[in-house]
């Protein structure tokens, strides 16, 4: 494999480690799994973040690079979950209008990576509340092909794209923006409803 391609994935992982750790702390502090009400607020944060990310799918550069976008979006699942939980989003806007390619890939990296952590959350909401892939926890459920397969395919897509140094920097910057956005949502769960 090309060392530059390898370095993109290792750089993404390495340079976003602190943000990933911060998300874990924010998740604990949000107490998202302490009650159905808190989980509903968390699901609303998921919905808003997914709407932000899915807006980026409209870019022809993104859809050309990642041909399986149709299996990746989770906002519709989150919206159905919110209906189950008796919540309705306040707004339908997004915060990614100014995000361009290839920064958008960093946002998608954050979203796709979160599907791996969602496995733990899915088990927890099943055990605590009885929620599942048919009621209130669709947004946490695995892809039909499985989480790992879809994640590996995404990583391989980025590896095969052979991004130059500047593009890699922009992707990492986009990932940092995505982590910041989701972190802001987690920190403000009570304000979302």
N, C-alpha and C. Protein backbone atom coordinates (compact mmCIF):
# COMPACT_ATOMS: atom_id res chain seq x y z
N UNK A 1 0.83 -1.20 0.00
CA UNK A 1 0.00 0.00 0.00
C UNK A 1 0.87 1.25 0.00
N UNK A 2 0.34 2.30 -0.54
CA UNK A 2 1.03 3.57 -0.58
C UNK A 2 1.15 4.14 0.84
N UNK A 3 2.36 4.53 1.28
CA UNK A 3 2.53 5.04 2.63
C UNK A 3 1.70 6.29 2.92
N UNK A 4 1.46 7.13 1.89
CA UNK A 4 0.65 8.34 2.10
C UNK A 4 -0.77 7.93 2.46
N UNK A 5 -1.30 6.92 1.75
CA UNK A 5 -2.65 6.45 2.05
C UNK A 5 -2.71 5.90 3.48
N UNK A 6 -1.74 5.09 3.84
CA UNK A 6 -1.70 4.55 5.19
C UNK A 6 -1.63 5.68 6.21
N UNK A 7 -0.83 6.69 5.89
CA UNK A 7 -0.66 7.77 6.86
C UNK A 7 -1.94 8.56 7.05
N UNK A 8 -2.81 8.64 6.03
CA UNK A 8 -4.07 9.36 6.22
C UNK A 8 -4.89 8.69 7.31
N UNK A 9 -5.08 7.38 7.22
CA UNK A 9 -5.89 6.69 8.22
C UNK A 9 -5.22 6.72 9.59
N UNK A 10 -3.92 6.53 9.63
CA UNK A 10 -3.24 6.58 10.93
C UNK A 10 -3.25 7.99 11.49
N UNK A 11 -3.12 9.00 10.62
CA UNK A 11 -3.17 10.38 11.08
C UNK A 11 -4.56 10.74 11.59
N UNK A 12 -5.58 10.30 10.87
CA UNK A 12 -6.94 10.56 11.33
C UNK A 12 -7.15 9.98 12.72
N UNK A 13 -6.72 8.73 12.90
CA UNK A 13 -6.89 8.08 14.19
C UNK A 13 -6.08 8.79 15.27
N UNK A 14 -4.81 9.06 14.95
CA UNK A 14 -3.91 9.67 15.92
C UNK A 14 -4.32 11.11 16.25
N UNK A 15 -4.63 11.90 15.24
CA UNK A 15 -4.89 13.32 15.46
C UNK A 15 -6.28 13.60 16.02
N UNK A 16 -7.15 12.58 16.02
CA UNK A 16 -8.47 12.78 16.60
C UNK A 16 -8.65 11.99 17.91
N UNK A 17 -7.58 11.37 18.40
CA UNK A 17 -7.68 10.57 19.63
C UNK A 17 -8.20 11.39 20.80
N UNK A 18 -7.69 12.59 20.97
CA UNK A 18 -8.13 13.43 22.10
C UNK A 18 -9.61 13.77 21.97
N UNK A 19 -10.06 14.04 20.75
CA UNK A 19 -11.48 14.34 20.53
C UNK A 19 -12.34 13.11 20.80
N UNK A 20 -11.87 11.96 20.36
CA UNK A 20 -12.60 10.71 20.62
C UNK A 20 -12.73 10.49 22.12
N UNK A 21 -11.65 10.69 22.84
CA UNK A 21 -11.68 10.54 24.30
C UNK A 21 -12.63 11.55 24.93
N UNK A 22 -12.64 12.77 24.40
CA UNK A 22 -13.54 13.81 24.91
C UNK A 22 -14.99 13.41 24.70
N UNK A 23 -15.30 12.77 23.56
CA UNK A 23 -16.67 12.33 23.30
C UNK A 23 -17.10 11.30 24.34
N UNK A 24 -16.19 10.40 24.71
CA UNK A 24 -16.53 9.39 25.72
C UNK A 24 -16.84 10.05 27.06
N UNK A 25 -16.07 11.07 27.41
CA UNK A 25 -16.32 11.80 28.66
C UNK A 25 -17.67 12.52 28.58
N UNK A 26 -17.92 13.19 27.45
CA UNK A 26 -19.19 13.90 27.29
C UNK A 26 -20.38 12.95 27.32
N UNK A 27 -20.20 11.76 26.76
CA UNK A 27 -21.28 10.76 26.79
C UNK A 27 -21.59 10.39 28.24
N UNK A 28 -20.54 10.13 29.02
CA UNK A 28 -20.76 9.78 30.44
C UNK A 28 -21.44 10.94 31.17
N UNK A 29 -20.93 12.13 30.95
CA UNK A 29 -21.48 13.31 31.62
C UNK A 29 -22.91 13.62 31.20
N UNK A 30 -23.27 13.26 29.98
CA UNK A 30 -24.63 13.53 29.48
C UNK A 30 -25.68 12.66 30.16
N UNK A 31 -25.21 11.54 30.74
CA UNK A 31 -26.12 10.59 31.39
C UNK A 31 -27.21 10.14 30.42
N UNK A 32 -26.81 9.96 29.16
CA UNK A 32 -27.76 9.63 28.10
C UNK A 32 -28.48 8.31 28.31
N UNK A 33 -27.89 7.43 29.11
CA UNK A 33 -28.53 6.13 29.32
C UNK A 33 -29.16 6.01 30.70
N UNK A 34 -29.25 7.11 31.42
CA UNK A 34 -29.80 7.07 32.78
C UNK A 34 -31.33 6.99 32.81
N UNK A 35 -31.98 7.51 31.77
CA UNK A 35 -33.44 7.47 31.73
C UNK A 35 -33.89 7.52 30.28
N UNK A 36 -35.14 7.18 30.07
CA UNK A 36 -35.70 7.24 28.71
C UNK A 36 -35.70 8.68 28.21
N UNK A 37 -35.94 9.63 29.11
CA UNK A 37 -35.95 11.03 28.71
C UNK A 37 -34.56 11.47 28.24
N UNK A 38 -33.54 11.10 29.00
CA UNK A 38 -32.17 11.47 28.60
C UNK A 38 -31.79 10.77 27.30
N UNK A 39 -32.20 9.52 27.15
CA UNK A 39 -31.91 8.80 25.90
C UNK A 39 -32.61 9.48 24.72
N UNK A 40 -33.82 9.96 24.93
CA UNK A 40 -34.54 10.67 23.87
C UNK A 40 -33.78 11.93 23.46
N UNK A 41 -33.25 12.66 24.44
CA UNK A 41 -32.46 13.85 24.14
C UNK A 41 -31.20 13.48 23.35
N UNK A 42 -30.57 12.37 23.75
CA UNK A 42 -29.39 11.90 23.02
C UNK A 42 -29.76 11.55 21.58
N UNK A 43 -30.90 10.89 21.39
CA UNK A 43 -31.34 10.52 20.05
C UNK A 43 -31.58 11.76 19.20
N UNK A 44 -32.06 12.82 19.83
CA UNK A 44 -32.23 14.09 19.11
C UNK A 44 -30.88 14.64 18.67
N UNK A 45 -29.87 14.52 19.52
CA UNK A 45 -28.52 14.97 19.13
C UNK A 45 -28.01 14.15 17.95
N UNK A 46 -28.28 12.85 17.98
CA UNK A 46 -27.90 11.97 16.87
C UNK A 46 -28.58 12.42 15.58
N UNK A 47 -29.86 12.72 15.69
CA UNK A 47 -30.62 13.15 14.52
C UNK A 47 -30.01 14.42 13.91
N UNK A 48 -29.75 15.43 14.75
CA UNK A 48 -29.19 16.67 14.22
C UNK A 48 -27.82 16.44 13.58
N UNK A 49 -26.99 15.64 14.23
CA UNK A 49 -25.66 15.39 13.68
C UNK A 49 -25.75 14.63 12.36
N UNK A 50 -26.62 13.63 12.31
CA UNK A 50 -26.76 12.86 11.08
C UNK A 50 -27.31 13.72 9.93
N UNK A 51 -28.22 14.64 10.25
CA UNK A 51 -28.71 15.55 9.20
C UNK A 51 -27.55 16.40 8.67
N UNK A 52 -26.68 16.86 9.56
CA UNK A 52 -25.50 17.63 9.14
C UNK A 52 -24.64 16.80 8.19
N UNK A 53 -24.38 15.56 8.57
CA UNK A 53 -23.51 14.69 7.77
C UNK A 53 -24.17 14.33 6.45
N UNK A 54 -25.43 13.97 6.48
CA UNK A 54 -26.11 13.54 5.25
C UNK A 54 -26.26 14.68 4.25
N UNK A 55 -26.26 15.91 4.72
CA UNK A 55 -26.25 17.05 3.80
C UNK A 55 -25.00 16.99 2.91
N UNK A 56 -23.91 16.49 3.46
CA UNK A 56 -22.65 16.40 2.71
C UNK A 56 -22.70 15.33 1.62
N UNK A 57 -23.61 14.38 1.76
CA UNK A 57 -23.76 13.33 0.75
C UNK A 57 -24.20 13.91 -0.59
N UNK A 58 -24.79 15.09 -0.58
CA UNK A 58 -25.31 15.70 -1.81
C UNK A 58 -24.19 16.18 -2.73
N UNK A 59 -23.00 16.35 -2.20
CA UNK A 59 -21.85 16.79 -3.00
C UNK A 59 -21.49 15.67 -3.98
N UNK A 60 -21.45 15.98 -5.28
CA UNK A 60 -21.12 14.94 -6.27
C UNK A 60 -19.74 14.29 -6.04
N UNK A 61 -18.79 15.06 -5.49
CA UNK A 61 -17.47 14.48 -5.19
C UNK A 61 -17.60 13.37 -4.14
N UNK A 62 -18.45 13.62 -3.15
CA UNK A 62 -18.65 12.64 -2.08
C UNK A 62 -19.37 11.41 -2.62
N UNK A 63 -20.45 11.63 -3.35
CA UNK A 63 -21.23 10.49 -3.85
C UNK A 63 -20.47 9.68 -4.88
N UNK A 64 -19.56 10.32 -5.60
CA UNK A 64 -18.74 9.58 -6.57
C UNK A 64 -17.69 8.73 -5.84
N UNK A 65 -17.13 9.27 -4.76
CA UNK A 65 -16.09 8.55 -4.02
C UNK A 65 -16.68 7.43 -3.17
N UNK A 66 -17.84 7.67 -2.57
CA UNK A 66 -18.46 6.69 -1.65
C UNK A 66 -19.79 6.24 -2.26
N UNK A 67 -19.77 5.18 -3.07
CA UNK A 67 -20.97 4.79 -3.80
C UNK A 67 -22.08 4.18 -2.95
N UNK A 68 -21.78 3.78 -1.71
CA UNK A 68 -22.81 3.11 -0.90
C UNK A 68 -23.41 4.04 0.16
N UNK A 69 -23.52 5.31 -0.16
CA UNK A 69 -24.08 6.27 0.80
C UNK A 69 -25.50 5.92 1.21
N UNK A 70 -26.23 5.26 0.34
CA UNK A 70 -27.62 4.94 0.64
C UNK A 70 -27.77 4.03 1.86
N UNK A 71 -26.73 3.25 2.20
CA UNK A 71 -26.82 2.38 3.38
C UNK A 71 -26.27 3.07 4.63
N UNK A 72 -25.66 4.22 4.47
CA UNK A 72 -24.93 4.84 5.57
C UNK A 72 -25.73 5.84 6.40
N UNK A 73 -26.65 6.53 5.85
CA UNK A 73 -27.37 7.56 6.59
C UNK A 73 -28.21 6.99 7.73
N UNK A 74 -28.27 7.73 8.85
CA UNK A 74 -29.04 7.26 10.01
C UNK A 74 -30.06 8.28 10.50
N UNK A 75 -30.24 9.39 9.79
CA UNK A 75 -31.17 10.41 10.28
C UNK A 75 -32.61 9.91 10.22
N UNK A 76 -32.97 9.19 9.17
CA UNK A 76 -34.34 8.67 9.08
C UNK A 76 -34.63 7.70 10.22
N UNK A 77 -33.65 6.86 10.54
CA UNK A 77 -33.82 5.93 11.66
C UNK A 77 -33.98 6.70 12.96
N UNK A 78 -33.18 7.74 13.14
CA UNK A 78 -33.27 8.56 14.36
C UNK A 78 -34.62 9.27 14.43
N UNK A 79 -35.12 9.74 13.29
CA UNK A 79 -36.41 10.42 13.27
C UNK A 79 -37.54 9.46 13.68
N UNK A 80 -37.50 8.23 13.18
CA UNK A 80 -38.48 7.22 13.59
C UNK A 80 -38.37 6.93 15.08
N UNK A 81 -37.12 6.85 15.57
CA UNK A 81 -36.90 6.62 17.01
C UNK A 81 -37.48 7.77 17.83
N UNK A 82 -37.29 9.00 17.36
CA UNK A 82 -37.82 10.15 18.07
C UNK A 82 -39.34 10.11 18.15
N UNK A 83 -39.98 9.66 17.07
CA UNK A 83 -41.44 9.51 17.09
C UNK A 83 -41.84 8.48 18.14
N UNK A 84 -41.10 7.37 18.22
CA UNK A 84 -41.37 6.36 19.24
C UNK A 84 -41.24 6.95 20.65
N UNK A 85 -40.29 7.87 20.80
CA UNK A 85 -39.98 8.45 22.11
C UNK A 85 -40.78 9.71 22.41
N UNK A 86 -41.64 10.11 21.46
CA UNK A 86 -42.51 11.26 21.68
C UNK A 86 -41.82 12.61 21.54
N UNK A 87 -40.75 12.67 20.76
CA UNK A 87 -40.04 13.93 20.54
C UNK A 87 -40.08 14.30 19.07
N UNK A 88 -40.09 15.60 18.83
CA UNK A 88 -40.06 16.11 17.46
C UNK A 88 -38.93 17.12 17.34
N UNK A 89 -38.11 17.04 16.29
CA UNK A 89 -37.03 18.04 16.14
C UNK A 89 -37.61 19.45 16.02
N UNK A 90 -36.87 20.40 16.59
CA UNK A 90 -37.30 21.81 16.54
C UNK A 90 -37.03 22.43 15.18
N UNK A 91 -35.95 22.03 14.57
CA UNK A 91 -35.56 22.64 13.30
C UNK A 91 -35.01 21.59 12.35
N UNK A 92 -35.00 21.92 11.08
CA UNK A 92 -34.52 20.98 10.06
C UNK A 92 -33.26 21.48 9.36
N UNK A 93 -32.70 22.58 9.82
CA UNK A 93 -31.51 23.13 9.17
C UNK A 93 -30.28 22.27 9.43
N UNK A 94 -29.18 22.67 8.88
CA UNK A 94 -27.92 21.96 9.14
C UNK A 94 -26.80 22.98 9.30
N UNK A 95 -25.69 22.51 9.84
CA UNK A 95 -24.55 23.39 10.10
C UNK A 95 -23.40 23.15 9.12
N UNK A 96 -23.65 22.38 8.08
CA UNK A 96 -22.55 22.00 7.19
C UNK A 96 -22.62 22.66 5.81
N UNK A 97 -23.39 23.73 5.68
CA UNK A 97 -23.48 24.39 4.37
C UNK A 97 -22.13 24.88 3.86
N UNK A 98 -21.24 25.29 4.76
CA UNK A 98 -19.95 25.84 4.34
C UNK A 98 -18.85 24.77 4.27
N UNK A 99 -19.19 23.52 4.56
CA UNK A 99 -18.20 22.44 4.52
C UNK A 99 -18.07 21.94 3.09
N UNK A 100 -16.84 21.92 2.58
CA UNK A 100 -16.63 21.49 1.20
C UNK A 100 -15.76 20.24 1.17
N UNK A 101 -15.69 19.63 0.01
CA UNK A 101 -14.85 18.47 -0.21
C UNK A 101 -13.39 18.92 -0.28
N UNK A 102 -12.46 18.22 0.36
CA UNK A 102 -12.59 16.94 1.04
C UNK A 102 -12.82 17.02 2.55
N UNK A 103 -13.01 18.25 3.10
CA UNK A 103 -13.31 18.36 4.54
C UNK A 103 -14.50 17.48 4.91
N UNK A 104 -15.46 17.41 4.02
CA UNK A 104 -16.67 16.63 4.27
C UNK A 104 -16.35 15.18 4.63
N UNK A 105 -15.27 14.65 4.09
CA UNK A 105 -14.90 13.26 4.39
C UNK A 105 -14.52 13.10 5.86
N UNK A 106 -13.99 14.14 6.46
CA UNK A 106 -13.66 14.09 7.88
C UNK A 106 -14.92 13.99 8.72
N UNK A 107 -15.94 14.75 8.35
CA UNK A 107 -17.24 14.65 9.04
C UNK A 107 -17.80 13.23 8.91
N UNK A 108 -17.72 12.69 7.70
CA UNK A 108 -18.26 11.35 7.46
C UNK A 108 -17.44 10.32 8.24
N UNK A 109 -16.14 10.55 8.35
CA UNK A 109 -15.28 9.68 9.15
C UNK A 109 -15.77 9.62 10.60
N UNK A 110 -16.11 10.76 11.17
CA UNK A 110 -16.61 10.82 12.54
C UNK A 110 -17.92 10.04 12.65
N UNK A 111 -18.82 10.26 11.70
CA UNK A 111 -20.11 9.58 11.72
C UNK A 111 -19.95 8.08 11.58
N UNK A 112 -19.13 7.67 10.63
CA UNK A 112 -18.95 6.23 10.41
C UNK A 112 -18.25 5.57 11.59
N UNK A 113 -17.28 6.25 12.16
CA UNK A 113 -16.59 5.70 13.33
C UNK A 113 -17.53 5.53 14.51
N UNK A 114 -18.52 6.43 14.61
CA UNK A 114 -19.46 6.36 15.73
C UNK A 114 -20.34 5.12 15.67
N UNK A 115 -20.48 4.53 14.49
CA UNK A 115 -21.31 3.32 14.39
C UNK A 115 -20.68 2.16 15.15
N UNK A 116 -19.36 2.20 15.30
CA UNK A 116 -18.69 1.13 16.06
C UNK A 116 -19.01 1.26 17.54
N UNK A 117 -18.93 2.47 18.06
CA UNK A 117 -19.28 2.71 19.46
C UNK A 117 -20.75 2.50 19.75
N UNK A 118 -21.58 2.65 18.71
CA UNK A 118 -23.02 2.48 18.89
C UNK A 118 -23.39 1.04 19.26
N UNK A 119 -22.50 0.10 19.00
CA UNK A 119 -22.79 -1.31 19.36
C UNK A 119 -22.99 -1.43 20.86
N UNK A 120 -22.12 -0.77 21.64
CA UNK A 120 -22.25 -0.80 23.10
C UNK A 120 -23.54 -0.12 23.53
N UNK A 121 -23.82 1.06 22.96
CA UNK A 121 -25.02 1.80 23.33
C UNK A 121 -26.28 1.00 23.01
N UNK A 122 -26.25 0.32 21.87
CA UNK A 122 -27.40 -0.49 21.45
C UNK A 122 -27.69 -1.58 22.48
N UNK A 123 -26.65 -2.28 22.92
CA UNK A 123 -26.83 -3.33 23.93
C UNK A 123 -27.37 -2.74 25.23
N UNK A 124 -26.87 -1.58 25.59
CA UNK A 124 -27.29 -0.94 26.83
C UNK A 124 -28.77 -0.53 26.80
N UNK A 125 -29.21 0.08 25.69
CA UNK A 125 -30.62 0.51 25.64
C UNK A 125 -31.56 -0.69 25.52
N UNK A 126 -31.06 -1.77 24.93
CA UNK A 126 -31.86 -3.01 24.92
C UNK A 126 -32.06 -3.51 26.35
N UNK A 127 -30.95 -3.58 27.10
CA UNK A 127 -31.00 -4.11 28.45
C UNK A 127 -31.78 -3.20 29.40
N UNK A 128 -31.57 -1.89 29.29
CA UNK A 128 -32.19 -0.96 30.25
C UNK A 128 -33.64 -0.65 29.94
N UNK A 129 -33.94 -0.46 28.64
CA UNK A 129 -35.27 0.04 28.27
C UNK A 129 -36.06 -0.90 27.38
N UNK A 130 -35.42 -1.96 26.87
CA UNK A 130 -36.11 -2.87 25.97
C UNK A 130 -36.24 -2.34 24.55
N UNK A 131 -35.47 -1.29 24.22
CA UNK A 131 -35.51 -0.74 22.87
C UNK A 131 -34.73 -1.65 21.92
N UNK A 132 -35.08 -1.59 20.62
CA UNK A 132 -34.42 -2.47 19.64
C UNK A 132 -34.46 -1.84 18.25
N UNK A 133 -34.09 -2.62 17.26
CA UNK A 133 -34.00 -2.13 15.88
C UNK A 133 -35.36 -1.82 15.27
N UNK A 134 -36.43 -2.19 15.97
CA UNK A 134 -37.78 -1.89 15.49
C UNK A 134 -38.47 -0.80 16.31
N UNK A 135 -37.86 -0.42 17.44
CA UNK A 135 -38.49 0.58 18.29
C UNK A 135 -37.45 1.35 19.10
N UNK A 136 -37.33 2.63 18.81
CA UNK A 136 -36.55 3.60 19.59
C UNK A 136 -35.03 3.45 19.55
N UNK A 137 -34.51 2.39 18.92
CA UNK A 137 -33.04 2.24 18.84
C UNK A 137 -32.57 1.91 17.43
N UNK A 138 -33.37 2.26 16.44
CA UNK A 138 -32.98 2.01 15.05
C UNK A 138 -31.66 2.69 14.71
N UNK A 139 -31.48 3.91 15.24
CA UNK A 139 -30.29 4.71 14.88
C UNK A 139 -29.00 4.11 15.44
N UNK A 140 -29.12 3.18 16.38
CA UNK A 140 -27.94 2.53 16.96
C UNK A 140 -27.70 1.14 16.41
N UNK A 141 -28.66 0.64 15.67
CA UNK A 141 -28.57 -0.74 15.16
C UNK A 141 -27.47 -0.85 14.11
N UNK A 142 -26.99 -2.07 13.94
CA UNK A 142 -25.93 -2.33 12.96
C UNK A 142 -26.48 -2.23 11.55
N UNK A 143 -25.59 -1.92 10.61
CA UNK A 143 -25.96 -1.99 9.21
C UNK A 143 -26.32 -3.43 8.88
N UNK A 144 -27.17 -3.66 7.87
CA UNK A 144 -27.51 -5.05 7.51
C UNK A 144 -26.28 -5.93 7.24
N UNK A 145 -25.25 -5.34 6.65
CA UNK A 145 -24.02 -6.10 6.37
C UNK A 145 -23.14 -6.28 7.61
N UNK A 146 -23.41 -5.51 8.63
CA UNK A 146 -22.57 -5.52 9.83
C UNK A 146 -21.73 -4.26 9.90
N UNK A 147 -21.47 -3.83 11.13
CA UNK A 147 -20.73 -2.58 11.34
C UNK A 147 -19.31 -2.63 10.77
N UNK A 148 -18.60 -3.71 11.08
CA UNK A 148 -17.19 -3.81 10.71
C UNK A 148 -16.98 -3.80 9.20
N UNK A 149 -17.84 -4.50 8.48
CA UNK A 149 -17.69 -4.58 7.01
C UNK A 149 -17.85 -3.20 6.39
N UNK A 150 -18.88 -2.47 6.80
CA UNK A 150 -19.14 -1.15 6.22
C UNK A 150 -18.04 -0.16 6.60
N UNK A 151 -17.55 -0.26 7.84
CA UNK A 151 -16.46 0.61 8.30
C UNK A 151 -15.18 0.32 7.50
N UNK A 152 -14.85 -0.94 7.33
CA UNK A 152 -13.64 -1.30 6.57
C UNK A 152 -13.74 -0.83 5.13
N UNK A 153 -14.92 -0.93 4.55
CA UNK A 153 -15.09 -0.48 3.16
C UNK A 153 -14.89 1.03 3.06
N UNK A 154 -15.38 1.77 4.05
CA UNK A 154 -15.17 3.21 4.06
C UNK A 154 -13.69 3.54 4.17
N UNK A 155 -13.00 2.89 5.10
CA UNK A 155 -11.56 3.14 5.27
C UNK A 155 -10.79 2.81 3.99
N UNK A 156 -11.15 1.72 3.35
CA UNK A 156 -10.48 1.31 2.11
C UNK A 156 -10.71 2.35 1.02
N UNK A 157 -11.92 2.90 0.99
CA UNK A 157 -12.24 3.95 0.01
C UNK A 157 -11.32 5.15 0.20
N UNK A 158 -11.13 5.56 1.44
CA UNK A 158 -10.22 6.69 1.70
C UNK A 158 -8.78 6.32 1.33
N UNK A 159 -8.38 5.09 1.65
CA UNK A 159 -7.03 4.66 1.31
C UNK A 159 -6.80 4.70 -0.20
N UNK A 160 -7.78 4.22 -0.95
CA UNK A 160 -7.63 4.11 -2.40
C UNK A 160 -7.69 5.46 -3.12
N UNK A 161 -8.17 6.50 -2.43
CA UNK A 161 -8.34 7.81 -3.08
C UNK A 161 -7.02 8.55 -3.30
N UNK A 162 -5.96 8.14 -2.58
CA UNK A 162 -4.63 8.72 -2.77
C UNK A 162 -4.63 10.25 -2.63
N UNK A 163 -5.10 10.72 -1.49
CA UNK A 163 -5.15 12.16 -1.23
C UNK A 163 -3.76 12.74 -1.02
N UNK A 164 -3.54 13.95 -1.53
CA UNK A 164 -2.26 14.62 -1.30
C UNK A 164 -2.22 15.21 0.11
N UNK A 165 -1.10 15.79 0.47
CA UNK A 165 -0.90 16.30 1.83
C UNK A 165 -1.94 17.36 2.22
N UNK A 166 -2.20 18.30 1.33
CA UNK A 166 -3.18 19.36 1.61
C UNK A 166 -4.57 18.77 1.81
N UNK A 167 -4.95 17.84 0.95
CA UNK A 167 -6.26 17.20 1.08
C UNK A 167 -6.37 16.43 2.40
N UNK A 168 -5.30 15.76 2.78
CA UNK A 168 -5.30 15.04 4.05
C UNK A 168 -5.53 16.01 5.21
N UNK A 169 -4.85 17.14 5.17
CA UNK A 169 -5.02 18.15 6.21
C UNK A 169 -6.47 18.63 6.28
N UNK A 170 -7.08 18.80 5.12
CA UNK A 170 -8.47 19.25 5.07
C UNK A 170 -9.42 18.18 5.63
N UNK A 171 -9.14 16.93 5.36
CA UNK A 171 -9.97 15.83 5.89
C UNK A 171 -9.85 15.79 7.41
N UNK A 172 -8.64 15.93 7.91
CA UNK A 172 -8.43 15.94 9.36
C UNK A 172 -9.15 17.14 9.98
N UNK A 173 -9.06 18.30 9.34
CA UNK A 173 -9.75 19.49 9.82
C UNK A 173 -11.26 19.24 9.86
N UNK A 174 -11.79 18.60 8.82
CA UNK A 174 -13.21 18.27 8.79
C UNK A 174 -13.60 17.33 9.92
N UNK A 175 -12.73 16.36 10.22
CA UNK A 175 -13.00 15.44 11.33
C UNK A 175 -13.05 16.21 12.65
N UNK A 176 -12.15 17.15 12.83
CA UNK A 176 -12.14 17.95 14.05
C UNK A 176 -13.43 18.78 14.16
N UNK A 177 -13.89 19.31 13.03
CA UNK A 177 -15.15 20.06 13.02
C UNK A 177 -16.32 19.15 13.39
N UNK A 178 -16.32 17.94 12.83
CA UNK A 178 -17.39 16.99 13.12
C UNK A 178 -17.42 16.61 14.59
N UNK A 179 -16.25 16.34 15.17
CA UNK A 179 -16.18 16.02 16.59
C UNK A 179 -16.67 17.21 17.43
N UNK A 180 -16.27 18.43 17.03
CA UNK A 180 -16.70 19.61 17.79
C UNK A 180 -18.22 19.74 17.75
N UNK A 181 -18.79 19.57 16.58
CA UNK A 181 -20.26 19.68 16.44
C UNK A 181 -20.96 18.66 17.32
N UNK A 182 -20.53 17.41 17.26
CA UNK A 182 -21.21 16.40 18.06
C UNK A 182 -20.97 16.63 19.55
N UNK A 183 -19.77 17.08 19.88
CA UNK A 183 -19.48 17.41 21.27
C UNK A 183 -20.37 18.53 21.78
N UNK A 184 -20.59 19.55 20.95
CA UNK A 184 -21.47 20.65 21.33
C UNK A 184 -22.90 20.15 21.56
N UNK A 185 -23.35 19.25 20.70
CA UNK A 185 -24.69 18.68 20.86
C UNK A 185 -24.79 17.88 22.16
N UNK A 186 -23.78 17.06 22.44
CA UNK A 186 -23.80 16.26 23.67
C UNK A 186 -23.79 17.14 24.91
N UNK A 187 -23.00 18.20 24.86
CA UNK A 187 -22.88 19.09 26.02
C UNK A 187 -24.17 19.87 26.27
N UNK A 188 -25.02 19.96 25.25
CA UNK A 188 -26.24 20.77 25.34
C UNK A 188 -27.52 19.96 25.23
N UNK A 189 -27.49 18.70 25.62
CA UNK A 189 -28.65 17.83 25.42
C UNK A 189 -29.95 18.45 25.93
N UNK A 190 -29.90 19.02 27.11
CA UNK A 190 -31.13 19.57 27.70
C UNK A 190 -31.68 20.72 26.87
N UNK A 191 -30.81 21.44 26.19
CA UNK A 191 -31.24 22.59 25.39
C UNK A 191 -31.87 22.17 24.05
N UNK A 192 -31.69 20.92 23.67
CA UNK A 192 -32.16 20.48 22.36
C UNK A 192 -33.67 20.27 22.32
N UNK A 193 -34.26 19.99 23.49
CA UNK A 193 -35.70 19.67 23.52
C UNK A 193 -36.54 20.85 23.93
